[in-house]
Amino acid sequence: MTALIDRLLIAASSRPVLTSLSATAILGFAWTLSDFFSWKAFGTGGTPPTLAGYLRMTKFRLNHLLFGPNLLDPAPHFAGPAYLRGPLRPRFGPRPRIMPRIMPQRQVPEPIDAATRDKLQTLVHRLAAEHPNLLETKPSHTEGKSTDGLYALETVPTLNRLAREDQMLKREIAHAHPADNSLHVWLSGPDARKVMEAGWGQRFPLQFVRSGWTMVYAPRNEEELEVVEEIVRAGVAWVTGVQV
């Protein structure tokens, strides 16, 4: 790739009138290719990992840049029941940096000890095993089946009506992302607000997805994992109607 760009720049330099325009176009092409392959390597958030998928993601990215809401503003989250018990322990330190592409919504990876990561990545399986009459795991619909998600069983009599009807989330409660250890969790409005105000997460950027679908930042140690599990359990209660 580098050799090809060098040859194109040399060719452009023989025609001074076109040099600036050609260099800009070549550098833009090189940046786009680099961004495309980085996007594929980091996970595509359920979007097909193709050029067409990349262009679709780029359209959403530009639209959000120009017209999107402030993802740290918890104002829309106020109505409904709350399942987080008491105040949420604030997250220590500044919020993590967020990757520039909104699909997938990911943070820049932060250090995490191996034991914490293993427990995080198996959390949805443990919760499903503890509550087999309430929960199941299967490949996450919202992540293009690239990781396992925690789902409410369709037969749960107290299943949230929104979860029964929603065709985007399809009863999915939560999943963890292998690339950066962040999560997406479906929370009630008040619980999503608590998560954001305590510095543990932010809104999902696509406005046609339910507003309680929340990005939760990656835990960095066992103590923070306890908070993340508390958040996921609140998501279970919101979707199933059962406190676990």
Protein backbone atom coordinates (compact mmCIF):
# COMPACT_ATOMS: atom_id res chain seq x y z
CA MET A 1 0.00 0.00 0.00
CA THR A 2 2.79 2.45 0.93
CA ALA A 3 4.71 1.69 -2.28
CA LEU A 4 1.58 2.25 -4.39
CA ILE A 5 0.92 5.62 -2.77
CA ASP A 6 4.57 6.63 -3.31
CA ARG A 7 4.36 5.78 -7.02
CA LEU A 8 1.12 7.75 -7.42
CA LEU A 9 2.60 10.78 -5.69
CA ILE A 10 5.71 10.67 -7.93
CA ALA A 11 3.51 10.47 -11.01
CA ALA A 12 1.40 13.39 -9.82
CA SER A 13 4.49 15.52 -9.14
CA SER A 14 5.39 15.51 -12.86
CA ARG A 15 2.27 17.61 -13.47
CA PRO A 16 2.48 20.56 -11.04
CA VAL A 17 -1.05 21.79 -11.74
CA LEU A 18 -2.51 18.53 -10.51
CA THR A 19 -0.04 17.82 -7.72
CA SER A 20 -2.01 19.37 -4.85
CA LEU A 21 -5.35 17.93 -5.93
CA SER A 22 -3.83 14.51 -6.62
CA ALA A 23 -2.02 14.41 -3.29
CA THR A 24 -5.23 15.31 -1.46
CA ALA A 25 -7.18 12.62 -3.29
CA ILE A 26 -4.50 9.98 -2.68
CA LEU A 27 -4.20 10.79 1.01
CA GLY A 28 -8.00 10.77 1.31
CA PHE A 29 -8.15 7.38 -0.39
CA ALA A 30 -5.40 6.03 1.87
CA TRP A 31 -7.16 7.32 5.00
CA THR A 32 -10.46 5.78 3.89
CA LEU A 33 -8.84 2.39 3.31
CA SER A 34 -7.12 2.54 6.68
CA ASP A 35 -10.36 3.51 8.41
CA PHE A 36 -12.25 0.75 6.61
CA PHE A 37 -9.84 -1.98 7.69
CA SER A 38 -9.70 -0.62 11.25
CA TRP A 39 -13.50 -0.65 11.34
CA LYS A 40 -13.57 -4.28 10.23
CA ALA A 41 -10.89 -5.32 12.72
CA PHE A 42 -12.63 -3.69 15.68
CA GLY A 43 -16.05 -5.20 15.02
CA THR A 44 -18.80 -3.67 12.92
CA GLY A 45 -21.65 -3.59 15.41
CA GLY A 46 -23.98 -5.78 13.40
CA THR A 47 -23.36 -3.92 10.13
CA PRO A 48 -22.12 -6.23 7.35
CA PRO A 49 -18.27 -5.96 7.24
CA THR A 50 -18.32 -4.90 3.60
CA LEU A 51 -17.72 -1.69 1.67
CA ALA A 52 -21.49 -1.17 1.47
CA GLY A 53 -21.71 -1.63 5.24
CA TYR A 54 -18.88 0.86 5.74
CA LEU A 55 -20.60 3.44 3.56
CA ARG A 56 -23.84 2.94 5.49
CA MET A 57 -21.97 3.41 8.76
CA THR A 58 -20.29 6.53 7.38
CA LYS A 59 -23.69 8.02 6.52
CA PHE A 60 -24.87 7.53 10.10
CA ARG A 61 -21.54 8.88 11.36
CA LEU A 62 -21.86 12.11 9.38
CA ASN A 63 -25.51 12.52 10.28
CA HIS A 64 -24.70 12.15 13.97
CA LEU A 65 -21.80 14.60 13.67
CA LEU A 66 -24.10 17.22 12.14
CA PHE A 67 -27.42 16.59 13.85
CA GLY A 68 -26.93 13.99 16.58
CA PRO A 69 -27.80 14.55 20.25
CA ASN A 70 -25.30 14.92 23.06
CA LEU A 71 -24.73 11.31 24.14
CA LEU A 72 -23.77 12.40 27.66
CA ASP A 73 -27.03 14.29 28.22
CA PRO A 74 -29.32 12.15 30.41
CA ALA A 75 -32.28 14.52 29.99
CA PRO A 76 -34.50 12.11 27.98
CA HIS A 77 -34.24 9.47 30.73
CA PHE A 78 -36.63 10.23 33.56
CA ALA A 79 -39.92 8.33 33.24
CA GLY A 80 -40.66 4.80 34.36
CA PRO A 81 -39.61 2.38 37.11
CA ALA A 82 -36.10 2.13 38.54
CA TYR A 83 -34.40 -1.15 39.40
CA LEU A 84 -30.93 -0.03 40.49
CA ARG A 85 -30.97 -0.27 44.28
CA GLY A 86 -29.86 3.00 45.78
CA PRO A 87 -27.25 5.38 44.34
CA LEU A 88 -24.78 3.94 41.86
CA ARG A 89 -21.12 4.06 42.91
CA PRO A 90 -19.43 6.73 40.72
CA ARG A 91 -16.86 5.51 38.23
CA PHE A 92 -13.36 6.57 39.16
CA GLY A 93 -11.46 8.90 36.82
CA PRO A 94 -12.43 10.50 33.52
CA ARG A 95 -14.73 8.79 31.05
CA PRO A 96 -12.91 6.60 28.53
CA ARG A 97 -12.23 7.94 25.06
CA ILE A 98 -14.79 6.77 22.51
CA MET A 99 -13.83 5.38 19.12
CA PRO A 100 -14.70 7.84 16.31
CA ARG A 101 -17.12 5.56 14.47
CA ILE A 102 -20.63 5.40 15.95
CA MET A 103 -21.19 1.91 14.49
CA PRO A 104 -19.92 0.07 16.36
CA GLN A 105 -20.16 2.18 19.49
CA ARG A 106 -16.93 1.33 21.29
CA GLN A 107 -14.46 2.89 23.67
CA VAL A 108 -10.70 2.97 23.32
CA PRO A 109 -9.61 -0.17 25.24
CA GLU A 110 -8.28 0.38 28.74
CA PRO A 111 -6.17 -1.96 30.89
CA ILE A 112 -8.17 -4.74 32.53
CA ASP A 113 -6.86 -7.66 34.55
CA ALA A 114 -7.33 -11.11 33.07
CA ALA A 115 -9.61 -12.46 35.79
CA THR A 116 -11.98 -9.50 35.48
CA ARG A 117 -12.10 -9.83 31.70
CA ASP A 118 -12.89 -13.55 31.88
CA LYS A 119 -15.71 -12.95 34.36
CA LEU A 120 -17.10 -10.09 32.28
CA GLN A 121 -17.12 -12.05 29.04
CA THR A 122 -18.93 -14.98 30.71
CA LEU A 123 -21.34 -12.84 32.74
CA VAL A 124 -24.33 -13.32 30.42
CA HIS A 125 -23.83 -17.10 30.44
CA ARG A 126 -23.65 -17.20 34.24
CA LEU A 127 -26.83 -15.17 34.65
CA ALA A 128 -28.67 -17.35 32.14
CA ALA A 129 -27.49 -20.52 33.94
CA GLU A 130 -28.67 -19.10 37.28
CA HIS A 131 -32.13 -18.25 35.88
CA PRO A 132 -32.98 -20.82 33.17
CA ASN A 133 -36.73 -20.15 33.43
CA LEU A 134 -36.17 -16.48 32.77
CA LEU A 135 -33.10 -16.02 30.57
CA GLU A 136 -31.14 -17.55 27.71
CA THR A 137 -28.04 -16.71 25.73
CA LYS A 138 -27.71 -16.77 21.98
CA PRO A 139 -25.74 -14.85 19.34
CA SER A 140 -26.54 -11.17 19.70
CA HIS A 141 -28.90 -9.90 17.00
CA THR A 142 -27.77 -6.31 17.55
CA GLU A 143 -24.10 -7.27 17.12
CA GLY A 144 -24.59 -9.25 13.93
CA LYS A 145 -24.20 -12.49 15.93
CA SER A 146 -20.53 -11.73 16.58
CA THR A 147 -20.87 -12.15 20.36
CA ASP A 148 -23.38 -13.76 22.70
CA GLY A 149 -26.24 -11.72 24.13
CA LEU A 150 -28.44 -12.20 27.18
CA TYR A 151 -32.12 -12.54 26.23
CA ALA A 152 -35.39 -12.80 28.10
CA LEU A 153 -37.37 -15.91 27.26
CA GLU A 154 -40.46 -15.18 25.20
CA THR A 155 -42.55 -17.27 27.60
CA VAL A 156 -41.88 -15.07 30.66
CA PRO A 157 -45.37 -13.93 31.76
CA THR A 158 -44.09 -10.63 33.17
CA LEU A 159 -42.09 -9.78 30.05
CA ASN A 160 -41.97 -6.04 29.37
CA ARG A 161 -44.45 -5.15 26.61
CA LEU A 162 -41.79 -3.07 24.87
CA ALA A 163 -39.47 -6.07 24.74
CA ARG A 164 -42.24 -8.24 23.34
CA GLU A 165 -43.01 -5.76 20.55
CA ASP A 166 -39.63 -4.27 19.70
CA GLN A 167 -38.23 -5.62 16.43
CA MET A 168 -34.83 -3.97 16.81
CA LEU A 169 -33.73 -5.32 20.20
CA LYS A 170 -35.85 -8.50 20.13
CA ARG A 171 -35.86 -9.15 23.92
CA GLU A 172 -32.09 -8.66 24.17
CA ILE A 173 -31.00 -7.41 27.58
CA ALA A 174 -27.22 -7.09 27.32
CA HIS A 175 -24.01 -8.15 25.64
CA ALA A 176 -20.31 -7.47 26.22
CA HIS A 177 -17.93 -6.51 23.41
CA PRO A 178 -14.79 -8.67 23.16
CA ALA A 179 -12.69 -5.92 21.53
CA ASP A 180 -12.93 -3.31 24.31
CA ASN A 181 -14.93 -4.97 27.14
CA SER A 182 -17.67 -2.34 27.06
CA LEU A 183 -21.31 -3.44 27.03
CA HIS A 184 -24.72 -2.49 25.75
CA VAL A 185 -27.55 -2.91 28.24
CA TRP A 186 -31.28 -2.23 27.90
CA LEU A 187 -32.30 -0.19 30.95
CA SER A 188 -35.34 1.67 32.17
CA GLY A 189 -35.22 5.44 31.73
CA PRO A 190 -34.37 6.26 35.36
CA ASP A 191 -31.70 3.54 35.50
CA ALA A 192 -30.09 4.76 32.26
CA ARG A 193 -30.00 8.23 33.77
CA LYS A 194 -28.29 6.93 36.92
CA VAL A 195 -25.68 5.13 34.83
CA MET A 196 -24.84 8.27 32.86
CA GLU A 197 -24.83 10.59 35.85
CA ALA A 198 -22.46 8.28 37.74
CA GLY A 199 -20.04 8.31 34.79
CA TRP A 200 -20.64 4.66 33.85
CA GLY A 201 -22.03 5.07 30.37
CA GLN A 202 -23.71 7.09 27.66
CA ARG A 203 -26.62 7.05 25.26
CA PHE A 204 -26.70 4.98 22.09
CA PRO A 205 -26.21 7.22 19.04
CA LEU A 206 -28.97 5.91 16.76
CA GLN A 207 -32.24 7.62 17.64
CA PHE A 208 -34.47 4.94 16.15
CA VAL A 209 -33.25 2.47 18.82
CA ARG A 210 -35.02 2.46 22.20
CA SER A 211 -33.64 5.27 24.37
CA GLY A 212 -32.82 2.93 27.27
CA TRP A 213 -30.30 1.00 25.14
CA THR A 214 -27.18 2.24 26.89
CA MET A 215 -23.44 1.88 26.37
CA VAL A 216 -21.80 0.84 29.65
CA TYR A 217 -18.07 1.43 29.96
CA ALA A 218 -15.68 -1.47 30.52
CA PRO A 219 -14.82 -2.42 34.09
CA ARG A 220 -11.10 -2.32 34.89
CA ASN A 221 -11.04 -4.51 37.99
CA GLU A 222 -13.20 -6.79 40.16
CA GLU A 223 -14.70 -3.90 42.13
CA GLU A 224 -15.88 -2.18 38.97
CA LEU A 225 -17.19 -5.47 37.61
CA GLU A 226 -19.53 -5.61 40.59
CA VAL A 227 -21.04 -2.30 39.47
CA VAL A 228 -21.38 -3.53 35.88
CA GLU A 229 -23.12 -6.69 37.06
CA GLU A 230 -25.49 -4.57 39.13
CA ILE A 231 -26.33 -2.59 35.98
CA VAL A 232 -26.93 -5.75 33.92
CA ARG A 233 -29.17 -7.16 36.66
CA ALA A 234 -31.19 -3.93 36.53
CA GLY A 235 -31.56 -4.53 32.79
CA VAL A 236 -32.83 -8.04 33.49
CA ALA A 237 -35.46 -6.64 35.86
CA TRP A 238 -36.57 -3.98 33.35
CA VAL A 239 -37.02 -6.42 30.48
CA THR A 240 -38.38 -9.44 32.38
CA GLY A 241 -40.21 -7.75 35.24
CA VAL A 242 -38.33 -9.96 37.71
CA GLN A 243 -35.65 -8.68 40.08
CA VAL A 244 -32.67 -11.07 40.14
